[in-house]
Every structure is written in C-alpha cells, then in structure tokens.
C-alpha cells in the first residue's frame, strides 16, 4: 500500500480490483489494481500496467451508500451523488464491510 494511513486509521480489507471511472469507461478502458478499506477511507491504487496512474481515495464520511451489480460489481455513491464502480471478488463482502462502517 503506497497511501500512508492516518493516525488511528487501520486496514480492514484489501483485494485485487478493477476501477471503472467515467473518463476511462468512455474510452472503453478500466484500471487494475488493489482496493483497500480502512476504518476511515476506501482507497484504490492502480498498478503500473495501467494507461495512466489511476487512484481514488474516498473518505467514508463522504459515502452515502454502497451496492452490488452484475457480474462482480461493487459500487459506492457519495453524498455528492458521484458513483465509483469496482469489479471485485466477494462483492457482497465488500458491500457489507463498507455498510458496517458508514
């Protein structure tokens, strides 16, 4: 994990993921990497094989809801109605873990 944890922040869950953001999706692309869940944030860090250096950091206090989609999609929606989509193994586990923290 390249992102430094804040004071009193602890890692809860991590796993390989594909991040689909609006810009990349419009180009038919996605970013592979690792998704981390801490007690304070959801962090995606792209690996070196991506077209660009892709990352996303969301404070859990900014997350309004989470859910799952087809086939392995896990998503979060922020208080500003922004959607962040990830393809992960164990999508229901990711959703439950985030829901328990928000």
Protein backbone atom coordinates (compact mmCIF):
# COMPACT_ATOMS: atom_id res chain seq x y z
CA UNK A 1 0.00 0.00 0.00
CA UNK A 2 1.51 3.29 -1.12
CA UNK A 3 -1.01 5.54 0.63
CA UNK A 4 0.02 6.41 4.17
CA UNK A 5 -2.52 5.60 6.83
CA UNK A 6 -3.67 8.44 9.06
CA UNK A 7 -3.33 8.38 12.81
CA UNK A 8 -5.85 5.91 14.29
CA UNK A 9 -6.59 4.52 10.82
CA UNK A 10 -6.43 0.75 10.40
CA UNK A 11 -6.69 -1.57 7.43
CA UNK A 12 -9.87 -3.69 7.42
CA UNK A 13 -9.92 -5.35 3.98
CA UNK A 14 -7.92 -5.46 0.75
CA UNK A 15 -8.19 -7.22 -2.57
CA UNK A 16 -7.48 -7.04 -6.28
CA UNK A 17 -9.93 -4.83 -8.15
CA UNK A 18 -10.68 -3.14 -11.42
CA UNK A 19 -11.75 0.50 -11.20
CA UNK A 20 -14.19 1.91 -13.73
CA UNK A 21 -14.26 5.70 -13.79
CA UNK A 22 -16.22 7.86 -16.21
CA UNK A 23 -13.22 9.05 -18.24
CA UNK A 24 -11.71 5.59 -18.69
CA UNK A 25 -15.11 3.97 -19.32
CA UNK A 26 -15.81 6.44 -22.14
CA UNK A 27 -12.59 5.21 -23.77
CA UNK A 28 -13.53 1.57 -23.20
CA UNK A 29 -10.76 1.25 -20.59
CA UNK A 30 -10.51 0.40 -16.91
CA UNK A 31 -7.70 0.37 -14.34
CA UNK A 32 -6.48 -2.70 -12.49
CA UNK A 33 -5.00 -2.53 -9.03
CA UNK A 34 -5.79 -3.04 -5.37
CA UNK A 35 -8.75 -1.82 -3.34
CA UNK A 36 -8.26 -1.13 0.36
CA UNK A 37 -10.86 -0.48 3.03
CA UNK A 38 -9.82 1.17 6.27
CA UNK A 39 -11.94 2.31 9.16
CA UNK A 40 -11.84 5.81 7.59
CA UNK A 41 -11.39 5.51 3.82
CA UNK A 42 -11.85 3.44 0.66
CA UNK A 43 -8.60 3.55 -1.35
CA UNK A 44 -7.91 2.27 -4.85
CA UNK A 45 -4.32 2.15 -6.05
CA UNK A 46 -3.68 1.25 -9.68
CA UNK A 47 -0.77 -0.95 -10.65
CA UNK A 48 1.97 0.00 -13.10
CA UNK A 49 0.37 -1.66 -16.15
CA UNK A 50 -2.43 0.91 -16.46
CA UNK A 51 -2.65 3.51 -19.22
CA UNK A 52 -2.47 6.29 -16.63
CA UNK A 53 -1.64 6.47 -12.95
CA UNK A 54 -5.09 5.73 -11.58
CA UNK A 55 -6.09 6.08 -7.94
CA UNK A 56 -9.12 7.04 -5.90
CA UNK A 57 -9.43 7.90 -2.23
CA UNK A 58 -12.85 8.30 -0.65
CA UNK A 59 -13.46 9.29 2.95
CA UNK A 60 -16.15 7.01 4.37
CA UNK A 61 -17.83 10.11 5.81
CA UNK A 62 -18.50 11.13 2.17
CA UNK A 63 -20.13 7.80 1.24
CA UNK A 64 -23.93 7.78 1.22
CA UNK A 65 -24.48 4.16 0.17
CA UNK A 66 -22.97 1.08 -1.43
CA UNK A 67 -24.34 -1.74 -3.53
CA UNK A 68 -23.62 -4.55 -5.93
CA UNK A 69 -24.24 -5.14 -9.62
CA UNK A 70 -23.62 -7.67 -12.35
CA UNK A 71 -21.41 -9.64 -12.52
CA UNK A 72 -18.80 -8.73 -9.87
CA UNK A 73 -19.54 -5.02 -9.49
CA UNK A 74 -19.29 -3.28 -6.15
CA UNK A 75 -20.06 0.44 -6.08
CA UNK A 76 -20.30 3.34 -3.69
CA UNK A 77 -22.29 6.53 -4.12
CA UNK A 78 -21.07 9.68 -2.41
CA UNK A 79 -23.11 12.38 -0.70
CA UNK A 80 -22.49 14.45 -3.87
CA UNK A 81 -24.14 11.65 -5.94
CA UNK A 82 -20.86 10.52 -7.57
CA UNK A 83 -20.62 6.82 -8.30
CA UNK A 84 -17.39 4.81 -8.01
CA UNK A 85 -17.51 1.29 -9.51
CA UNK A 86 -15.14 -1.59 -8.93
CA UNK A 87 -15.04 -5.17 -10.11
CA UNK A 88 -14.00 -7.34 -7.15
CA UNK A 89 -14.18 -10.88 -5.86
CA UNK A 90 -16.62 -11.11 -2.98
CA UNK A 91 -18.71 -8.07 -3.92
CA UNK A 92 -21.27 -8.74 -1.15
CA UNK A 93 -18.49 -8.89 1.45
CA UNK A 94 -17.14 -5.51 0.26
CA UNK A 95 -20.62 -4.01 0.38
CA UNK A 96 -21.29 -5.36 3.89
CA UNK A 97 -17.92 -4.14 5.16
CA UNK A 98 -18.49 -0.61 3.85
CA UNK A 99 -22.09 -0.53 5.11
CA UNK A 100 -20.96 -1.52 8.60
CA UNK A 101 -18.59 1.49 8.66
CA UNK A 102 -20.91 4.15 7.25
